[in-house]
Amino acid sequence: MKKTTLALLLSAILSSTTLAEETQSQPNIVNITINNVGDDSGLEMGTGSRARGIGSIATGKNSVALGKNAVATGGNETKDSINAKLAENKQKLDDIATAEANTNRLLSELQNIRKLEADVIEAGERVKQVRLAKQSAYDVWQEKLKTYNDTVASSTQLFKDAQAKIDDLNSRLTGVSRIGNVDISSDEGLTNAATQLKSIAEEGTTLNLSVDFYKDYVSSYYRALGDLRHNQVIINNTYSPSSSAFVYSSLYNSGQSVVINPYSFYVSFLNNIQVGTYRDTMGSDGGTDKVIYKNIFAVDTSITIPTDNIYFKNIETDLSTHDEFEKARSLLPKYKTAFKLYFEHTNNPFATSKLKKSIIDRINAKLDVWGKAYEVTYYQSQYEDTHQTIWLDKKQQALNEYHQLVAEFNALPNPTSINASVINEWKAENIDAIVQRNNITTTTLTSELEKALGINKNAIAEKQAEIARLKTAADQAKSTYDNTNPSTADIALSQRYEEVMRQLTAKANQLKSEQDRLQALKDALTLHDLTNVGENAYAIGTNALATGTNSLAIGTDTIVTGENSIAMGKGSVVTGTNSIAIGTGHNVLGNNSGAFGDPDYIYGDGSYAFGNNNTIGDPNKVHQIGNNTFVLGSNIVTTANNAVILGANSTDGGDNTVSVGSSTAQRKIVYIANGAINQTSKDAINGSQLYDILQNATDINVANWQAKLTGDTLNSALSNVSAKLKVIAGTNTTVTTSTDGDTTTYAVNVSDQLIKNVMQSDMNIKANTDASNINTEKFAEKLGTGTVSENDTNLVTGKTVYLALQNAVLNGVDVANKANKDASNLSDEDKSKWQEALGTGTAEAGNKGLISGDTLNTALSEKANKSEVIQKLGSKADKDASNIDVAKYTEKLTTGRIELGNTGLINGGQVHNYVQNYVADISGRTLAQANAYTDYRIGSLKAYTDKRLKDIRDEARAGVASAMAMGAIPMVPNKRFSIGAGTATYHGQNAVAIGLKVKTENDKAVISLSGSASSNGDFGASAGFAFGF
């Protein structure tokens, strides 16, 4: 059964209306595109399906079957089940075939008309488009022309007003020429002229420039008008200072009416100088003539002309006789004198004393070189006559002197440079300065007058530029309009355009009617269970079968039943969902799996094999084992899950492992980056790391090292310091905490009660003046240190006296005259004497003597002085501490230190310094550790990153080279099979590629297969197909 597909695009404008103007001037045009289909189509049952090839069937939506017996379907349908159902609808299918034949006939007739009248249709289209473009160009031209004319009209008054102001400006600027009889040689004349010019220039304006400015203006004007011309004549008649020579002659006279002692001077002075009578005709002393003529001085009668010419001698080739040598020796001084007088007498105004000296010094040095040349050539002549080597010795000495003279000559100042400097300085002062000054004064007056007269030159220039732009745009638009015309040939061909389009339209209507009949027949077909079975399936190749939705089967006997799956290659089978097989004889049953090479067997899900003869999973346990496993190599069999197996003939190491070999064949893993070494690290470490660990294994506390390397950050350390350091309030004290930036400040305040308590506690242990609260035992212990002996003035205790008395009795001492212990035997006189003897103390600090009542009374009387008491009280602290000296108290009370066990008070400064020092110490240690670790990690990361970036860059460049190589493979036209190769290089990476392109016998489809290999060892493959209809 055959079916023909029609693709006809007919512009639906037959019944539409257009603008009246366009309808009158332009023909109605129908655009028709026709794609012919051959007679070898198969059965197409799906919407948008295509079947090409003997026995091909496409039942799925948007499915394609290309090749003999190729089937693109869905569900469980096969070629046999579909043919069985077709037999039930034979008559209806025959009617469909008849309708399709009519459709093909009408389509062929349309194609013939289109083919025969192609030139007419194309010419008519071009004429239509050109005429539309011309009308559009005309509209643009008119729009731009109107804009230009409107702008010109609106600017007329602006330009008229501006021109009137400019004429007024020019009249004022040329006012100096209307003054007349100006005398600038006197200040009075110059002031008078300046005053008149000021009146002319500023009349009717607010301008008020100084008279001095106008004096400068008038002076610059006349200097530019008079002196400038004369000075310009002088410089024009002066030889160019930028030349390698300078000339003073009748032609280049530097403004002199009479030229005295002309000359021509070159940089290569050893070879050339021209002066005097022979300035323009001869006198070349190192050039062609190799002579300095004596007559060059003839123009100056004051010079004694030398008796003979002097000739140039070449030290390499010439000889000099004794007479020539002696004559040269006598002539050279005369020439020096003549040259000196000649240049001293020249009237060249630019020949300054410095320039003249430079010229004369060079001439004298030149003549010395010439004279030494005579000497060298004379010694050579003598040797050749006598062959006595003494002459060669003299020649060598003369040669040394000759070269020294040449060097001295070359080291002399260059007269040409001096001459150029003199001329340029004169020009700068007498021409450039005048021009510049005149420009400044003129520019200044012009600018001020423009302001005063309200002349906006920028606005005028902008408006003129705008009009010029609009004029150019309008002219360009008119040129575009004038040059937009259909060709004569197109106009001639397009005469039959409308007639041809009417024929095409009529034929298209017949075709549309037959199409509708065909569609009705298809709708009446009872093969509904086959219509749109499957979707987006593509089967390409003999006996290819694609039944899965969005599946692709390319190759002979290739089968794809899984959804969204691909098989490319002879005999490959893919039943898994979202799976792929590229190569020969693959079997991919797992979902989300793939095989590349030939042949591989994949039974697990999420698994891939790259290579040949690999098996992942078990055919008896599909989807159960061999899941998520990756194989790169050949001849590998594995049932492991979540494993990676690399290299040919490798074996797996079980689930969740990576294998690079087998028990009999191992491989080495190289270029492993340094892994992290810490308690939680799961990184691999390399040999260099193990080496470092073994080298430094002695006395290393790994835990401490890890703590240091992975310890707190600086921020955490600072936070810890802040948490550990805390000032808390104690009894009768308060602590106020505040923040100053990143620093916590503690203010410690002591309560009035505490100060009172502290003072009270000190007062409680002090003795009252009446001794009412003293501890008699302690006083007796401290004061009773005296002995009962002569000259001992210290107090004694009763015990001491008792023992002394006992000793006295025992020793037979007379104690009758001794006082009793209770002083009961003391008379009033004795008591008075005791008091007098003992009461020698004074009421003052540090005195330990007993005091009498009289002494105490006197002291108390003195202390009771009110003013002194008040004065003393004024220096005491109040109970509420309101009058204390905080700084002094802080200084006295701040005796504590921030250390374990210290109970003294501390101040904020101590706390701040302690924290700062502690933080600095912690920060330094933490920062040093952090820096060391950071440097280590950054170094490791940099090395790793550099390597990875290089690898990625090389891989990317190699991939580009591979793509370029595959893209470069050409295809031989008009050949069914085309095999080619390509190569490419990109940024140092190279790739080669081979490719095969195959066209079907009816030239309706093209299959492309290509593979590449790059210089970094990567392989690539690509495939594609194209179908035309």
Foldseek 3Di string as FASTA:
>chain_A
DWFWDWDKDWPPCPPPDDDPVCPVPAFDAIDIDTDGDDGQWDAEFADCEGGGEDLEYEFAHVEYAAYHVGYAFADPDHSVVVVVLCVVQVVLVVVLVVLRVVLNVLSVVLVVLCVVLVLQQVLSVVQVVLVVVLVVLVVLLVVLVVVLVVLCVVCPVVVVVLVVLVVLLVQLLCVLVVPPPQDLVDPVSLLVSLVSSQCSNCPPWPDDDDSVLSSLLSVLVVLCVPLQVLQVVLLVLFPALPDQKGWPDPSSPSNDPDWAWTWIAGQVRLFAIAIAPCRPPDQGCRPDQVKGAQCRLVSPVVADGFPGIQGAADLVDAAAEPVNLVSLVVRLVSVLVSLLVSLVPTPRVLCDPVLSVLVSVLSNLSSVLRSLSNLLRHLVVVCVVPVDCVSVVVNVVSVVVNVVSVVVSVPGDRSSNSSSVSSVVCCCVRHVVSVVSNCVSSVVSSVSSCVRSVNDVVVVVVSVVVSVVSVVSSVVSVVVSVPSRRDPVSVVSNPCNNVSSVVSVVSVVVSVVSVVVSVVSSVPRPVVVSRNREYCEYFHEHCGYTHAHVEYEAYHCEYERAHCEYEHEDCAYEDAHVEYEYYYNEYADEHCEYEAYPYEYEQAHLEYEYYYAEYAADPVQRNHFRYNEYEYEYPEYYRAYVEYEYYYPAYTPHHNYYADHHPVDHDDDDDAFAFDDADPTPDDHDDVVVVVCVVPVPPDDVVVVRCLLPDDALVVVLVVLVVVDDDCADPQKHWDWDDDPPDIFIAIGHFLVVVVVVVVVVVVQDADPVNPPDDVVVCCVVQQPFAPDPPTLTHHDLVRVVVVVVVCVVVVHDCPPPADSVSPPADPVNVVVVCVSQQPFAPDPPTPTHHDPVRVVVVVVVVPPVVVVVVVVVVDADSRNPPPDVVVCLVVQAPFAPDPPTPGDHGRVRVVVVSVVVSVVVSVSSVVSNVVSVVVVVVSVVVVVVVVVVVVVQVVQQVVQFVVFLVPFDADPPDQKGKGKGKGHGPHKIKIKIKIWGADPVRFKIKIKMKMAIPVGDIDIDIDMDGHD
